[in-house]
Amino acid sequence: MSDDVHGAHPEGAPRQPQAPVPGAPVPPVAPEPAPEPSSWDRIGGGLLAFIILQAIQTFALLSDFPSALEDALESVMARGLGVFGIAQAASEWIALATLVAYAVVIIVAMVQLVQRHPSFLRNFQIAGIIAVIGNLAVFLIMEAVHVYYSTSPDVVGYEPSYGYSWEAGSHWTLVILALMWTIFWTLYFARSVRMRHYMSPDNPYTTANGLPYVERALFGKGMRG
C-alpha cells in the first residue's frame, strides 16, 4: 500500500506541532537578561561637580561661624546704645543668622539630593533666597552706618573717611554670587538629562511626563528643556 493510504505525510512536508501531553513537565523559560544600569543613574558629571563645590562652600561657611559669632557678641558689648550703634550690632547678628540658616537648609537639600527626594531643588532655592536677602540686608545696614560715621566728625573715636566700605562691599559680593549660583544650578537641574535619569533610574522622567522635583521648586518651571 502507498503512504497515502495510511495517511502518512509525504516526504519533505512540514509536520504539525504536537499538542503538549497533559501532566508532562514544562521546560523552564530562560529569564530575560536584566538591563545594564546606565552611568546617568549614578552621581557623576555636572551633578558630581555641584556636590563637590557645594560641600566646599558649606564647609567654608561653617569654618567662619566662630568668627561671625565673636563679631556678633562684640557688637553688643562694644557699641553704644545709639541708633546707628544698634544698627551695626543688628547687621552682625543678621549676618550670623544668615550663615546658620543657609548652612542648615543647604545641608538638608544636599541630603535630599543624595536620597533622590523631589523636594531638594525647592530647599536649594530657599537656601539661595536666604543668602540673597540676608546679605543684602547686612549690606544696606553696614553701608548706612558707614556713611553716617564717615560724614559725622563729631563721633568720638572715629576718624571721618569718605572711602568705600569694603566690609559692606563683601556682603554685596555675596548677594551677587548667591543669586548667580542659585539661578545657574536651577537651570542645570531643570534641563539636565542626567538629573532626570538620576532622580528616577527605573523610569526616567521626561518633559512630557513632568519633572516632580522641578514642579515642587519655587521657580524654574519654565526652564525645562
Protein backbone atom coordinates (compact mmCIF):
# COMPACT_ATOMS: atom_id res chain seq x y z
CA MET A 1 0.00 0.00 0.00
CA SER A 2 1.04 3.55 -0.60
CA ASP A 3 1.82 6.02 2.17
CA ASP A 4 -1.34 7.97 1.25
CA VAL A 5 -3.50 5.03 2.30
CA HIS A 6 -2.05 5.11 5.81
CA GLY A 7 -2.30 8.92 5.96
CA ALA A 8 1.42 9.43 6.37
CA HIS A 9 2.94 12.78 5.45
CA PRO A 10 4.74 12.91 2.13
CA GLU A 11 8.47 13.19 2.41
CA GLY A 12 9.52 16.79 2.90
CA ALA A 13 6.10 18.03 4.07
CA PRO A 14 6.12 20.14 7.29
CA ARG A 15 4.89 18.42 10.39
CA GLN A 16 2.23 19.99 12.57
CA PRO A 17 3.32 20.84 16.15
CA GLN A 18 2.21 18.27 18.64
CA ALA A 19 -0.07 19.35 21.48
CA PRO A 20 1.51 19.13 24.94
CA VAL A 21 0.67 15.98 26.81
CA PRO A 22 -1.34 16.72 29.98
CA GLY A 23 0.83 16.31 33.07
CA ALA A 24 4.10 16.46 31.15
CA PRO A 25 6.77 18.75 32.65
CA VAL A 26 7.03 22.17 31.04
CA PRO A 27 10.58 23.17 30.15
CA PRO A 28 11.71 26.28 32.06
CA VAL A 29 11.79 29.58 30.20
CA ALA A 30 15.07 31.41 30.37
CA PRO A 31 14.61 34.80 32.12
CA GLU A 32 15.32 37.94 30.16
CA PRO A 33 18.69 39.48 30.98
CA ALA A 34 18.45 42.45 33.34
CA PRO A 35 19.21 45.78 31.65
CA GLU A 36 22.63 47.15 32.42
CA PRO A 37 22.49 50.21 34.69
CA SER A 38 23.17 53.49 32.96
CA SER A 39 26.00 55.69 34.13
CA TRP A 40 23.43 58.50 34.36
CA ASP A 41 21.68 56.63 37.15
CA ARG A 42 24.61 57.45 39.44
CA ILE A 43 26.23 60.66 40.64
CA GLY A 44 28.64 61.98 38.06
CA GLY A 45 29.37 64.74 35.59
CA GLY A 46 27.88 68.12 36.42
CA LEU A 47 25.96 66.65 39.37
CA LEU A 48 29.19 65.45 40.97
CA ALA A 49 30.79 68.86 40.35
CA PHE A 50 27.84 70.56 42.07
CA ILE A 51 28.05 68.31 45.13
CA ILE A 52 31.80 68.87 45.50
CA LEU A 53 31.58 72.65 45.06
CA GLN A 54 28.57 72.96 47.36
CA ALA A 55 30.29 70.85 50.02
CA ILE A 56 33.39 73.09 49.85
CA GLN A 57 31.25 76.22 50.09
CA THR A 58 29.29 74.88 53.07
CA PHE A 59 32.48 73.82 54.85
CA ALA A 60 33.95 77.31 54.33
CA LEU A 61 30.81 78.91 55.79
CA LEU A 62 30.81 76.67 58.84
CA SER A 63 34.50 77.37 59.35
CA ASP A 64 33.64 81.08 59.54
CA PHE A 65 30.99 80.51 62.22
CA PRO A 66 33.24 81.14 65.28
CA SER A 67 34.42 84.44 63.80
CA ALA A 68 30.88 85.55 62.94
CA LEU A 69 29.68 84.64 66.44
CA GLU A 70 32.54 86.58 68.02
CA ASP A 71 31.76 89.65 65.90
CA ALA A 72 28.10 89.47 66.88
CA LEU A 73 28.90 89.25 70.59
CA GLU A 74 31.47 92.06 70.40
CA SER A 75 28.98 94.28 68.57
CA VAL A 76 26.63 94.07 71.53
CA MET A 77 29.27 94.73 74.19
CA ALA A 78 31.36 97.33 72.38
CA ARG A 79 28.73 99.51 70.74
CA GLY A 80 26.76 102.19 72.48
CA LEU A 81 23.00 102.33 72.59
CA GLY A 82 22.73 104.90 69.82
CA VAL A 83 20.58 104.19 66.83
CA PHE A 84 23.48 103.51 64.50
CA GLY A 85 25.33 101.53 67.15
CA ILE A 86 22.32 99.25 67.46
CA ALA A 87 22.05 99.09 63.67
CA GLN A 88 25.64 97.97 63.33
CA ALA A 89 25.12 95.34 66.03
CA ALA A 90 22.00 94.18 64.22
CA SER A 91 23.95 93.75 60.99
CA GLU A 92 26.37 91.41 62.76
CA TRP A 93 23.55 89.29 64.13
CA ILE A 94 21.76 89.19 60.79
CA ALA A 95 25.00 88.01 59.17
CA LEU A 96 25.31 85.27 61.80
CA ALA A 97 21.66 84.20 61.39
CA THR A 98 22.06 84.15 57.60
CA LEU A 99 25.12 81.93 57.86
CA VAL A 100 23.44 79.43 60.19
CA ALA A 101 20.11 79.33 58.33
CA TYR A 102 21.78 78.91 54.95
CA ALA A 103 24.05 76.13 56.22
CA VAL A 104 21.15 74.20 57.76
CA VAL A 105 18.88 74.44 54.72
CA ILE A 106 21.60 73.66 52.18
CA ILE A 107 22.70 70.58 54.15
CA VAL A 108 19.09 69.36 54.14
CA ALA A 109 18.93 69.95 50.36
CA MET A 110 22.18 68.03 49.82
CA VAL A 111 20.95 65.05 51.84
CA GLN A 112 17.68 65.08 49.90
CA LEU A 113 19.61 65.16 46.62
CA VAL A 114 21.60 62.06 47.54
CA GLN A 115 18.34 60.35 48.57
CA ARG A 116 16.63 61.41 45.30
CA HIS A 117 13.96 63.33 47.20
CA PRO A 118 11.91 65.57 44.84
CA SER A 119 11.96 68.49 47.32
CA PHE A 120 15.72 69.00 47.10
CA LEU A 121 15.51 71.74 44.44
CA ARG A 122 12.97 73.75 46.42
CA ASN A 123 15.18 73.68 49.53
CA PHE A 124 18.22 74.56 47.44
CA GLN A 125 16.37 77.63 46.18
CA ILE A 126 15.21 78.54 49.69
CA ALA A 127 18.84 78.48 50.81
CA GLY A 128 19.74 80.78 47.92
CA ILE A 129 16.96 83.21 48.85
CA ILE A 130 18.16 83.24 52.46
CA ALA A 131 21.68 84.09 51.29
CA VAL A 132 20.48 86.86 48.98
CA ILE A 133 18.08 88.54 51.42
CA GLY A 134 20.34 88.16 54.46
CA ASN A 135 23.47 89.53 52.82
CA LEU A 136 21.51 92.31 51.11
CA ALA A 137 20.12 93.42 54.48
CA VAL A 138 23.59 93.38 56.02
CA PHE A 139 24.99 95.36 53.08
CA LEU A 140 22.35 98.08 53.36
CA ILE A 141 22.74 98.43 57.12
CA MET A 142 26.53 98.46 57.02
CA GLU A 143 26.58 100.96 54.19
CA ALA A 144 24.19 103.26 56.06
CA VAL A 145 26.29 103.04 59.22
CA HIS A 146 29.48 103.64 57.25
CA VAL A 147 28.05 106.74 55.56
CA TYR A 148 26.78 108.07 58.88
CA TYR A 149 30.13 107.69 60.64
CA SER A 150 32.06 108.93 57.61
CA THR A 151 30.08 112.17 57.47
CA SER A 152 29.88 112.75 61.22
CA PRO A 153 33.20 114.07 62.58
CA ASP A 154 31.59 114.53 66.00
CA VAL A 155 31.59 110.77 66.62
CA VAL A 156 34.11 110.12 69.39
CA GLY A 157 36.97 107.82 68.42
CA TYR A 158 36.08 107.69 64.74
CA GLU A 159 38.11 109.31 62.01
CA PRO A 160 35.99 110.54 59.08
CA SER A 161 36.58 108.56 55.93
CA TYR A 162 34.87 109.02 52.61
CA GLY A 163 36.31 105.86 51.10
CA TYR A 164 34.42 102.74 50.13
CA SER A 165 33.30 100.35 52.87
CA TRP A 166 34.94 97.06 51.91
CA GLU A 167 33.24 95.29 54.78
CA ALA A 168 29.84 96.19 53.36
CA GLY A 169 31.05 95.51 49.84
CA SER A 170 31.92 91.93 50.71
CA HIS A 171 28.29 91.28 51.54
CA TRP A 172 27.20 92.81 48.23
CA THR A 173 29.56 90.37 46.53
CA LEU A 174 27.88 87.52 48.42
CA VAL A 175 24.49 88.75 47.18
CA ILE A 176 25.61 88.56 43.55
CA LEU A 177 27.33 85.19 43.99
CA ALA A 178 24.31 83.66 45.76
CA LEU A 179 21.97 84.94 43.04
CA MET A 180 24.12 83.63 40.19
CA TRP A 181 24.79 80.30 41.96
CA THR A 182 21.09 79.66 42.56
CA ILE A 183 19.96 80.57 39.05
CA PHE A 184 22.75 78.65 37.30
CA TRP A 185 22.20 75.37 39.15
CA THR A 186 18.42 75.68 38.94
CA LEU A 187 18.85 75.87 35.16
CA TYR A 188 21.10 72.80 35.23
CA PHE A 189 18.72 70.76 37.38
CA ALA A 190 15.73 71.67 35.20
CA ARG A 191 17.37 70.90 31.84
CA SER A 192 19.90 68.16 32.57
CA VAL A 193 19.12 64.73 31.14
CA ARG A 194 21.40 63.22 33.77
CA MET A 195 19.22 64.69 36.51
CA ARG A 196 16.10 63.13 35.00
CA HIS A 197 17.74 59.71 34.96
CA TYR A 198 19.27 60.16 38.40
CA MET A 199 16.01 61.21 40.05
CA SER A 200 14.21 58.15 38.64
CA PRO A 201 16.68 55.48 37.49
CA ASP A 202 13.95 52.86 36.85
CA ASN A 203 11.72 55.09 34.75
CA PRO A 204 13.48 58.30 33.73
CA TYR A 205 11.27 61.35 33.74
CA THR A 206 10.68 63.21 30.51
CA THR A 207 9.32 66.65 29.84
CA ALA A 208 6.04 65.11 28.70
CA ASN A 209 5.65 63.12 31.93
CA GLY A 210 6.64 66.05 34.11
CA LEU A 211 9.59 66.59 36.41
CA PRO A 212 8.38 66.26 40.02
CA TYR A 213 11.45 67.88 41.55
CA VAL A 214 11.01 70.86 39.19
CA GLU A 215 7.26 71.04 39.80
CA ARG A 216 7.93 71.40 43.55
CA ALA A 217 10.53 74.15 43.01
CA LEU A 218 9.80 77.77 43.86
CA PHE A 219 10.83 78.89 40.37
CA GLY A 220 12.37 77.46 37.23
CA LYS A 221 9.41 75.52 35.85
CA GLY A 222 9.80 77.35 32.54
CA MET A 223 13.46 76.36 32.27
CA ARG A 224 12.75 72.73 31.41
CA GLY A 225 14.46 71.53 28.27
